[in-house]
PDB file of N, CA and C in Angstrom:
ATOM      1  N   UNK A   1       0.885  -1.162  -0.041  1.00  0.00           N
ATOM      2  CA  UNK A   1      -0.017   0.046  -0.014  1.00  0.00           C
ATOM      3  C   UNK A   1       0.943   1.173   0.035  1.00  0.00           C
ATOM      4  N   UNK A   2       0.629   2.170  -0.816  1.00  0.00           N
ATOM      5  CA  UNK A   2       1.464   3.342  -0.905  1.00  0.00           C
ATOM      6  C   UNK A   2       0.983   4.331   0.303  1.00  0.00           C
ATOM      7  N   UNK A   3       1.916   5.403   0.488  1.00  0.00           N
ATOM      8  CA  UNK A   3       1.570   6.361   1.405  1.00  0.00           C
ATOM      9  C   UNK A   3       0.322   7.094   1.159  1.00  0.00           C
ATOM     10  N   UNK A   4       0.095   7.341  -0.002  1.00  0.00           N
ATOM     11  CA  UNK A   4      -1.132   8.031  -0.510  1.00  0.00           C
ATOM     12  C   UNK A   4      -2.271   7.230  -0.128  1.00  0.00           C
ATOM     13  N   UNK A   5      -2.305   5.862  -0.514  1.00  0.00           N
ATOM     14  CA  UNK A   5      -3.496   5.271  -0.082  1.00  0.00           C
ATOM     15  C   UNK A   5      -3.629   5.001   1.480  1.00  0.00           C
ATOM     16  N   UNK A   6      -2.499   4.867   2.163  1.00  0.00           N
ATOM     17  CA  UNK A   6      -2.415   4.896   3.657  1.00  0.00           C
ATOM     18  C   UNK A   6      -3.219   6.241   4.208  1.00  0.00           C
ATOM     19  N   UNK A   7      -2.817   7.380   3.654  1.00  0.00           N
ATOM     20  CA  UNK A   7      -3.403   8.676   4.157  1.00  0.00           C
ATOM     21  C   UNK A   7      -5.000   8.550   3.907  1.00  0.00           C
ATOM     22  N   UNK A   8      -5.365   8.167   2.744  1.00  0.00           N
ATOM     23  CA  UNK A   8      -6.796   8.172   2.440  1.00  0.00           C
ATOM     24  C   UNK A   8      -7.537   7.206   3.282  1.00  0.00           C
ATOM     25  N   UNK A   9      -6.905   5.992   3.540  1.00  0.00           N
ATOM     26  CA  UNK A   9      -7.427   4.948   4.639  1.00  0.00           C
ATOM     27  C   UNK A   9      -7.673   5.541   6.061  1.00  0.00           C
ATOM     28  N   UNK A  10      -6.675   6.392   6.308  1.00  0.00           N
ATOM     29  CA  UNK A  10      -6.556   6.971   7.705  1.00  0.00           C
ATOM     30  C   UNK A  10      -7.694   7.910   7.777  1.00  0.00           C
ATOM     31  N   UNK A  11      -7.838   8.749   6.721  1.00  0.00           N
ATOM     32  CA  UNK A  11      -8.922   9.850   6.735  1.00  0.00           C
ATOM     33  C   UNK A  11     -10.232   9.197   6.828  1.00  0.00           C
ATOM     34  N   UNK A  12     -10.466   8.088   6.093  1.00  0.00           N
ATOM     35  CA  UNK A  12     -11.712   7.352   6.027  1.00  0.00           C
ATOM     36  C   UNK A  12     -12.089   6.726   7.428  1.00  0.00           C
ATOM     37  N   UNK A  13     -10.936   6.223   8.146  1.00  0.00           N
ATOM     38  CA  UNK A  13     -11.263   5.599   9.430  1.00  0.00           C
ATOM     39  C   UNK A  13     -11.432   6.665  10.478  1.00  0.00           C
ATOM     40  N   UNK A  14     -10.598   7.643  10.614  1.00  0.00           N
ATOM     41  CA  UNK A  14     -10.532   8.622  11.720  1.00  0.00           C
ATOM     42  C   UNK A  14     -11.205   9.882  11.534  1.00  0.00           C
ATOM     43  N   UNK A  15     -11.419  10.319  10.173  1.00  0.00           N
ATOM     44  CA  UNK A  15     -12.319  11.482   9.949  1.00  0.00           C
ATOM     45  C   UNK A  15     -11.292  12.725   9.669  1.00  0.00           C
ATOM     46  N   UNK A  16     -10.065  12.674  10.167  1.00  0.00           N
ATOM     47  CA  UNK A  16      -9.135  13.833   9.983  1.00  0.00           C
ATOM     48  C   UNK A  16      -7.738  13.387  10.191  1.00  0.00           C
ATOM     49  N   UNK A  17      -6.758  14.205   9.836  1.00  0.00           N
ATOM     50  CA  UNK A  17      -5.336  13.872   9.910  1.00  0.00           C
ATOM     51  C   UNK A  17      -4.544  15.166   9.987  1.00  0.00           C
ATOM     52  N   UNK A  18      -3.562  15.181  10.907  1.00  0.00           N
ATOM     53  CA  UNK A  18      -2.715  16.375  10.996  1.00  0.00           C
ATOM     54  C   UNK A  18      -1.208  15.835  10.375  1.00  0.00           C
ATOM     55  N   UNK A  19      -0.390  16.685  10.307  1.00  0.00           N
ATOM     56  CA  UNK A  19       0.958  16.368   9.784  1.00  0.00           C
ATOM     57  C   UNK A  19       1.572  15.531  10.896  1.00  0.00           C
ATOM     58  N   UNK A  20       1.400  15.774  12.262  1.00  0.00           N
ATOM     59  CA  UNK A  20       1.993  14.933  13.231  1.00  0.00           C
ATOM     60  C   UNK A  20       1.186  13.582  13.312  1.00  0.00           C
ATOM     61  N   UNK A  21       0.088  13.510  13.095  1.00  0.00           N
ATOM     62  CA  UNK A  21      -0.545  12.237  12.979  1.00  0.00           C
ATOM     63  C   UNK A  21       0.052  11.277  11.811  1.00  0.00           C
ATOM     64  N   UNK A  22       0.196  12.031  10.729  1.00  0.00           N
ATOM     65  CA  UNK A  22       0.699  11.258   9.482  1.00  0.00           C
ATOM     66  C   UNK A  22       2.069  10.833   9.840  1.00  0.00           C
ATOM     67  N   UNK A  23       2.960  11.496  10.435  1.00  0.00           N
ATOM     68  CA  UNK A  23       4.304  11.158  10.686  1.00  0.00           C
ATOM     69  C   UNK A  23       4.323  10.038  11.719  1.00  0.00           C
ATOM     70  N   UNK A  24       3.475  10.082  12.877  1.00  0.00           N
ATOM     71  CA  UNK A  24       3.465   9.115  13.848  1.00  0.00           C
ATOM     72  C   UNK A  24       3.015   7.786  13.480  1.00  0.00           C
ATOM     73  N   UNK A  25       1.719   7.956  12.645  1.00  0.00           N
ATOM     74  CA  UNK A  25       0.943   6.662  12.481  1.00  0.00           C
ATOM     75  C   UNK A  25       1.310   6.102  11.171  1.00  0.00           C
ATOM     76  N   UNK A  26       1.801   6.845  10.133  1.00  0.00           N
ATOM     77  CA  UNK A  26       2.033   6.304   8.766  1.00  0.00           C
ATOM     78  C   UNK A  26       3.602   6.447   8.361  1.00  0.00           C
ATOM     79  N   UNK A  27       4.177   7.375   9.149  1.00  0.00           N
ATOM     80  CA  UNK A  27       5.570   7.529   8.676  1.00  0.00           C
ATOM     81  C   UNK A  27       5.678   8.472   7.616  1.00  0.00           C
ATOM     82  N   UNK A  28       4.698   9.202   7.303  1.00  0.00           N
ATOM     83  CA  UNK A  28       4.672  10.212   6.189  1.00  0.00           C
ATOM     84  C   UNK A  28       5.160  11.561   6.658  1.00  0.00           C
ATOM     85  N   UNK A  29       6.312  12.122   6.083  1.00  0.00           N
ATOM     86  CA  UNK A  29       6.704  13.266   6.489  1.00  0.00           C
ATOM     87  C   UNK A  29       6.222  14.461   5.656  1.00  0.00           C
ATOM     88  N   UNK A  30       5.659  14.145   4.415  1.00  0.00           N
ATOM     89  CA  UNK A  30       5.231  15.171   3.553  1.00  0.00           C
ATOM     90  C   UNK A  30       3.796  14.934   3.238  1.00  0.00           C
ATOM     91  N   UNK A  31       2.842  15.368   4.276  1.00  0.00           N
ATOM     92  CA  UNK A  31       1.537  15.021   4.258  1.00  0.00           C
ATOM     93  C   UNK A  31       0.846  15.812   3.140  1.00  0.00           C
ATOM     94  N   UNK A  32       1.221  17.180   3.123  1.00  0.00           N
ATOM     95  CA  UNK A  32       0.629  17.980   2.083  1.00  0.00           C
ATOM     96  C   UNK A  32       0.840  17.534   0.692  1.00  0.00           C
ATOM     97  N   UNK A  33       2.012  16.884   0.478  1.00  0.00           N
ATOM     98  CA  UNK A  33       2.190  16.279  -0.958  1.00  0.00           C
ATOM     99  C   UNK A  33       1.241  15.184  -1.282  1.00  0.00           C
ATOM    100  N   UNK A  34       1.104  14.452  -0.226  1.00  0.00           N
ATOM    101  CA  UNK A  34       0.157  13.209  -0.399  1.00  0.00           C
ATOM    102  C   UNK A  34      -1.285  13.581  -0.570  1.00  0.00           C
ATOM    103  N   UNK A  35      -1.722  14.714   0.087  1.00  0.00           N
ATOM    104  CA  UNK A  35      -3.004  15.288  -0.040  1.00  0.00           C
ATOM    105  C   UNK A  35      -3.094  15.893  -1.502  1.00  0.00           C
ATOM    106  N   UNK A  36      -2.022  16.442  -1.978  1.00  0.00           N
ATOM    107  CA  UNK A  36      -2.045  16.898  -3.310  1.00  0.00           C
ATOM    108  C   UNK A  36      -2.199  15.781  -4.331  1.00  0.00           C
ATOM    109  N   UNK A  37      -1.598  14.601  -4.085  1.00  0.00           N
ATOM    110  CA  UNK A  37      -1.631  13.501  -4.989  1.00  0.00           C
ATOM    111  C   UNK A  37      -3.177  12.955  -4.886  1.00  0.00           C
ATOM    112  N   UNK A  38      -3.844  12.892  -3.745  1.00  0.00           N
ATOM    113  CA  UNK A  38      -5.296  12.493  -3.728  1.00  0.00           C
ATOM    114  C   UNK A  38      -6.078  13.504  -4.440  1.00  0.00           C
ATOM    115  N   UNK A  39      -5.779  14.811  -4.282  1.00  0.00           N
ATOM    116  CA  UNK A  39      -6.665  15.791  -5.090  1.00  0.00           C
ATOM    117  C   UNK A  39      -6.391  15.621  -6.618  1.00  0.00           C
ATOM    118  N   UNK A  40      -5.273  15.316  -7.054  1.00  0.00           N
ATOM    119  CA  UNK A  40      -4.883  14.911  -8.417  1.00  0.00           C
ATOM    120  C   UNK A  40      -5.647  13.829  -8.991  1.00  0.00           C
ATOM    121  N   UNK A  41      -6.106  12.891  -7.939  1.00  0.00           N
ATOM    122  CA  UNK A  41      -6.853  11.630  -8.348  1.00  0.00           C
ATOM    123  C   UNK A  41      -8.280  11.866  -8.392  1.00  0.00           C
ATOM    124  N   UNK A  42      -8.706  13.178  -8.055  1.00  0.00           N
ATOM    125  CA  UNK A  42     -10.175  13.469  -8.027  1.00  0.00           C
ATOM    126  C   UNK A  42     -10.770  13.647  -6.748  1.00  0.00           C
ATOM    127  N   UNK A  43     -10.119  13.445  -5.549  1.00  0.00           N
ATOM    128  CA  UNK A  43     -10.778  13.536  -4.304  1.00  0.00           C
ATOM    129  C   UNK A  43     -10.597  14.978  -3.829  1.00  0.00           C
ATOM    130  N   UNK A  44     -11.696  15.406  -3.132  1.00  0.00           N
ATOM    131  CA  UNK A  44     -11.689  16.809  -2.561  1.00  0.00           C
ATOM    132  C   UNK A  44     -11.581  16.502  -1.142  1.00  0.00           C
ATOM    133  N   UNK A  45     -10.422  17.146  -0.662  1.00  0.00           N
ATOM    134  CA  UNK A  45     -10.078  16.920   0.853  1.00  0.00           C
ATOM    135  C   UNK A  45     -10.241  18.412   1.485  1.00  0.00           C
ATOM    136  N   UNK A  46     -11.385  18.515   2.290  1.00  0.00           N
ATOM    137  CA  UNK A  46     -11.437  19.811   3.056  1.00  0.00           C
ATOM    138  C   UNK A  46     -10.334  19.913   4.020  1.00  0.00           C
ATOM    139  N   UNK A  47     -10.002  21.225   4.332  1.00  0.00           N
ATOM    140  CA  UNK A  47      -9.084  21.349   5.352  1.00  0.00           C
ATOM    141  C   UNK A  47      -9.428  22.567   6.317  1.00  0.00           C
ATOM    142  N   UNK A  48      -8.905  22.632   7.363  1.00  0.00           N
ATOM    143  CA  UNK A  48      -9.059  23.612   8.429  1.00  0.00           C
ATOM    144  C   UNK A  48      -7.856  23.980   9.078  1.00  0.00           C
ATOM    145  N   UNK A  49      -7.693  25.297   9.396  1.00  0.00           N
ATOM    146  CA  UNK A  49      -6.469  25.628  10.181  1.00  0.00           C
ATOM    147  C   UNK A  49      -6.924  25.639  11.719  1.00  0.00           C
ATOM    148  N   UNK A  50      -6.134  25.086  12.595  1.00  0.00           N
ATOM    149  CA  UNK A  50      -6.248  25.079  14.019  1.00  0.00           C
ATOM    150  C   UNK A  50      -5.190  25.887  14.645  1.00  0.00           C
ATOM    151  N   UNK A  51      -5.353  26.400  15.748  1.00  0.00           N
ATOM    152  CA  UNK A  51      -4.249  27.051  16.493  1.00  0.00           C
ATOM    153  C   UNK A  51      -4.143  25.966  17.735  1.00  0.00           C
ATOM    154  N   UNK A  52      -2.839  25.806  17.968  1.00  0.00           N
ATOM    155  CA  UNK A  52      -2.498  24.921  19.115  1.00  0.00           C
ATOM    156  C   UNK A  52      -1.339  25.470  19.892  1.00  0.00           C
ATOM    157  N   UNK A  53      -1.167  25.196  21.048  1.00  0.00           N
ATOM    158  CA  UNK A  53      -0.156  25.697  21.898  1.00  0.00           C
ATOM    159  C   UNK A  53       1.072  24.755  21.884  1.00  0.00           C
ATOM    160  N   UNK A  54       2.134  25.308  21.461  1.00  0.00           N
ATOM    161  CA  UNK A  54       3.307  24.399  21.310  1.00  0.00           C
ATOM    162  C   UNK A  54       3.839  23.880  22.751  1.00  0.00           C
ATOM    163  N   UNK A  55       4.301  22.662  22.791  1.00  0.00           N
ATOM    164  CA  UNK A  55       4.660  22.153  24.000  1.00  0.00           C
ATOM    165  C   UNK A  55       5.957  22.629  24.591  1.00  0.00           C
ATOM    166  N   UNK A  56       6.906  22.873  23.663  1.00  0.00           N
ATOM    167  CA  UNK A  56       8.311  23.282  24.115  1.00  0.00           C
ATOM    168  C   UNK A  56       8.277  24.852  24.353  1.00  0.00           C
ATOM    169  N   UNK A  57       7.610  25.688  23.540  1.00  0.00           N
ATOM    170  CA  UNK A  57       7.864  27.015  23.709  1.00  0.00           C
ATOM    171  C   UNK A  57       6.651  27.749  24.370  1.00  0.00           C
ATOM    172  N   UNK A  58       5.390  26.983  24.403  1.00  0.00           N
ATOM    173  CA  UNK A  58       4.190  27.693  24.932  1.00  0.00           C
ATOM    174  C   UNK A  58       3.659  28.644  23.961  1.00  0.00           C
ATOM    175  N   UNK A  59       4.241  28.891  22.686  1.00  0.00           N
ATOM    176  CA  UNK A  59       3.635  29.685  21.831  1.00  0.00           C
ATOM    177  C   UNK A  59       2.501  29.139  20.879  1.00  0.00           C
ATOM    178  N   UNK A  60       1.584  29.999  20.429  1.00  0.00           N
ATOM    179  CA  UNK A  60       0.515  29.402  19.785  1.00  0.00           C
ATOM    180  C   UNK A  60       1.072  29.332  18.372  1.00  0.00           C
ATOM    181  N   UNK A  61       0.708  28.184  17.686  1.00  0.00           N
ATOM    182  CA  UNK A  61       1.237  27.868  16.305  1.00  0.00           C
ATOM    183  C   UNK A  61      -0.131  27.385  15.578  1.00  0.00           C
ATOM    184  N   UNK A  62      -0.048  27.656  14.206  1.00  0.00           N
ATOM    185  CA  UNK A  62      -1.086  27.034  13.266  1.00  0.00           C
ATOM    186  C   UNK A  62      -0.758  25.764  12.612  1.00  0.00           C
ATOM    187  N   UNK A  63      -1.666  24.889  12.708  1.00  0.00           N
ATOM    188  CA  UNK A  63      -1.465  23.722  11.970  1.00  0.00           C
ATOM    189  C   UNK A  63      -2.700  23.475  10.920  1.00  0.00           C
ATOM    190  N   UNK A  64      -2.438  22.797   9.977  1.00  0.00           N
ATOM    191  CA  UNK A  64      -3.558  22.311   8.974  1.00  0.00           C
ATOM    192  C   UNK A  64      -4.011  20.909   9.295  1.00  0.00           C
ATOM    193  N   UNK A  65      -5.259  20.843   9.409  1.00  0.00           N
ATOM    194  CA  UNK A  65      -5.898  19.484   9.667  1.00  0.00           C
ATOM    195  C   UNK A  65      -6.729  19.159   8.437  1.00  0.00           C
ATOM    196  N   UNK A  66      -6.477  18.011   7.789  1.00  0.00           N
ATOM    197  CA  UNK A  66      -7.151  17.666   6.571  1.00  0.00           C
ATOM    198  C   UNK A  66      -8.379  16.601   7.048  1.00  0.00           C
ATOM    199  N   UNK A  67      -9.509  16.911   6.485  1.00  0.00           N
ATOM    200  CA  UNK A  67     -10.674  16.085   6.811  1.00  0.00           C
ATOM    201  C   UNK A  67     -11.134  15.137   5.879  1.00  0.00           C
ATOM    202  N   UNK A  68     -11.988  14.279   6.192  1.00  0.00           N
ATOM    203  CA  UNK A  68     -12.461  13.100   5.435  1.00  0.00           C
ATOM    204  C   UNK A  68     -12.938  13.596   4.075  1.00  0.00           C
ATOM    205  N   UNK A  69     -12.469  13.032   2.913  1.00  0.00           N
ATOM    206  CA  UNK A  69     -12.983  13.448   1.694  1.00  0.00           C
ATOM    207  C   UNK A  69     -14.404  13.439   1.486  1.00  0.00           C
ATOM    208  N   UNK A  70     -14.945  14.390   0.689  1.00  0.00           N
ATOM    209  CA  UNK A  70     -16.376  14.532   0.345  1.00  0.00           C
ATOM    210  C   UNK A  70     -16.577  13.535  -0.836  1.00  0.00           C
ATOM    211  N   UNK A  71     -17.761  12.975  -0.860  1.00  0.00           N
ATOM    212  CA  UNK A  71     -18.001  11.936  -2.045  1.00  0.00           C
ATOM    213  C   UNK A  71     -18.312  12.897  -3.250  1.00  0.00           C
TER     214      UNK A  71
END
């Protein structure tokens, strides 16, 4: 199974994925590239930006969370 297929499967099972989820669960360091591949295949992947507090610095950072593809 390719990383692109694994990302799609993860999205369908869990409903969303962040870059950290992709790295930890799939070993995918370039999530945005895999999302681009899925969109090139015709999938529409909604996304939203979330603000989270960094654990090391305590500063607020923004991350992109990709959501389950729409049919």
